[in-house]
Amino acid sequence: QVQLVESGGGLVQAGGSLRLSCKASGNIFGIGGMAWYRQVPGKQRDLVARISNVGVTTYSDSVKGRFSISGDNAENTVYLQMNSLKAEDTGIYYCDYRNYWGQGTQVTVSA
């Protein structure tokens, strides 16, 4: 079993920044493979960023150059630094580890 707890969401104006955190516990072997997804009402959950077990990062085209995923293996925590936020970044952000999901954290960007 794996437990994931996201935090750091909130309301921010367009152009602002937020930093999300995802703390993992349980049967986890480092942060490799952890990812952030975003979901808006009525739509599927879409990948935002992922970090591999060797630190390679991938991003959706919509966030490249603005978001940065990083992590701390010792703390089993992955972060998502979100800069230059846009209204279209609004949604619930979920942390994923091998198809285990957290409860999500709401990010709202006001135009």
Protein backbone atom coordinates (compact mmCIF):
# COMPACT_ATOMS: atom_id res chain seq x y z
CA GLN A 1 0.00 0.00 0.00
CA VAL A 2 1.06 3.55 -0.78
CA GLN A 3 -0.36 6.74 0.66
CA LEU A 4 0.07 10.07 -1.09
CA VAL A 5 -0.76 13.42 0.47
CA GLU A 6 -0.76 16.54 -1.67
CA SER A 7 -0.57 20.09 -0.35
CA GLY A 8 0.19 23.60 -1.49
CA GLY A 9 -2.79 24.42 -3.64
CA GLY A 10 -4.73 27.63 -3.37
CA LEU A 11 -5.99 30.73 -5.10
CA VAL A 12 -3.49 32.85 -6.98
CA GLN A 13 -3.64 35.60 -9.55
CA ALA A 14 -2.51 35.02 -13.10
CA GLY A 15 1.24 35.43 -13.33
CA GLY A 16 1.77 34.22 -9.81
CA SER A 17 3.42 31.09 -8.45
CA LEU A 18 2.56 28.11 -6.31
CA ARG A 19 4.54 25.13 -5.09
CA LEU A 20 2.77 21.83 -4.65
CA SER A 21 4.10 19.02 -2.50
CA CYS A 22 3.30 15.32 -2.50
CA LYS A 23 4.45 13.26 0.44
CA ALA A 24 4.50 9.51 -0.12
CA SER A 25 4.51 6.81 2.52
CA GLY A 26 4.13 3.07 2.67
CA ASN A 27 5.54 0.60 0.16
CA ILE A 28 7.51 3.08 -1.92
CA PHE A 29 10.96 2.79 -3.41
CA GLY A 30 12.03 6.37 -4.03
CA ILE A 31 10.28 9.06 -6.00
CA GLY A 32 11.14 7.73 -9.44
CA GLY A 33 8.06 7.47 -11.57
CA MET A 34 6.01 9.90 -9.55
CA ALA A 35 3.91 12.32 -11.51
CA TRP A 36 1.49 15.20 -11.28
CA TYR A 37 -1.82 15.21 -13.09
CA ARG A 38 -4.47 17.88 -13.46
CA GLN A 39 -8.20 17.40 -13.76
CA VAL A 40 -10.95 19.89 -14.49
CA PRO A 41 -14.67 19.13 -14.19
CA GLY A 42 -15.99 17.02 -17.02
CA LYS A 43 -12.59 16.17 -18.42
CA GLN A 44 -10.08 13.39 -18.01
CA ARG A 45 -7.10 13.59 -15.76
CA ASP A 46 -4.13 14.80 -17.80
CA LEU A 47 -0.43 14.37 -17.15
CA VAL A 48 1.34 17.59 -16.18
CA ALA A 49 4.83 16.41 -15.22
CA ARG A 50 6.72 13.24 -14.35
CA ILE A 51 10.11 12.47 -12.85
CA SER A 52 11.92 9.24 -13.65
CA ASN A 53 14.01 7.12 -11.33
CA VAL A 54 17.15 8.73 -12.78
CA GLY A 55 15.81 12.26 -12.50
CA VAL A 56 14.68 12.75 -16.07
CA THR A 57 11.69 15.07 -16.18
CA THR A 58 8.91 15.29 -18.72
CA TYR A 59 6.21 17.91 -19.08
CA SER A 60 3.05 18.52 -20.99
CA ASP A 61 3.48 21.09 -23.73
CA SER A 62 1.16 23.51 -21.96
CA VAL A 63 3.43 23.83 -18.92
CA LYS A 64 6.93 23.52 -20.42
CA GLY A 65 9.12 26.39 -19.34
CA ARG A 66 6.76 27.38 -16.52
CA PHE A 67 6.52 24.33 -14.27
CA SER A 68 9.28 22.31 -12.71
CA ILE A 69 9.04 18.91 -11.03
CA SER A 70 11.62 17.88 -8.48
CA GLY A 71 11.88 15.57 -5.54
CA ASP A 72 13.60 14.47 -2.39
CA ASN A 73 14.24 10.73 -2.22
CA ALA A 74 15.14 10.88 1.45
CA GLU A 75 11.76 12.44 2.25
CA ASN A 76 9.77 10.52 -0.40
CA THR A 77 8.41 13.87 -1.50
CA VAL A 78 7.91 15.30 -4.95
CA TYR A 79 7.31 18.94 -5.69
CA LEU A 80 5.74 20.89 -8.52
CA GLN A 81 6.92 24.48 -8.81
CA MET A 82 4.41 26.39 -10.89
CA ASN A 83 5.39 29.80 -12.21
CA SER A 84 3.71 32.27 -14.55
CA LEU A 85 0.38 30.68 -13.77
CA LYS A 86 -2.49 31.07 -16.21
CA ALA A 87 -6.22 30.73 -15.78
CA GLU A 88 -6.11 27.51 -17.79
CA ASP A 89 -3.85 25.95 -15.15
CA THR A 90 -6.86 25.86 -12.83
CA GLY A 91 -7.87 22.41 -11.69
CA ILE A 92 -7.37 19.73 -9.10
CA TYR A 93 -3.79 18.51 -9.07
CA TYR A 94 -3.21 14.88 -8.19
CA CYS A 95 -0.04 13.06 -7.35
CA ASP A 96 0.44 9.59 -8.83
CA TYR A 97 2.76 6.76 -7.94
CA ARG A 98 2.27 3.49 -9.81
CA ASN A 99 -1.48 4.11 -10.04
CA TYR A 100 -1.81 5.09 -6.43
CA TRP A 101 -3.40 8.53 -6.13
CA GLY A 102 -3.59 11.23 -3.54
CA GLN A 103 -6.74 13.13 -2.67
CA GLY A 104 -5.77 16.09 -4.83
CA THR A 105 -5.20 19.75 -4.15
CA GLN A 106 -7.17 22.54 -5.77
CA VAL A 107 -5.37 25.20 -7.74
CA THR A 108 -7.37 28.20 -8.86
CA VAL A 109 -5.81 30.91 -11.00
CA SER A 110 -7.81 34.09 -11.35
CA ALA A 111 -7.52 35.98 -14.59
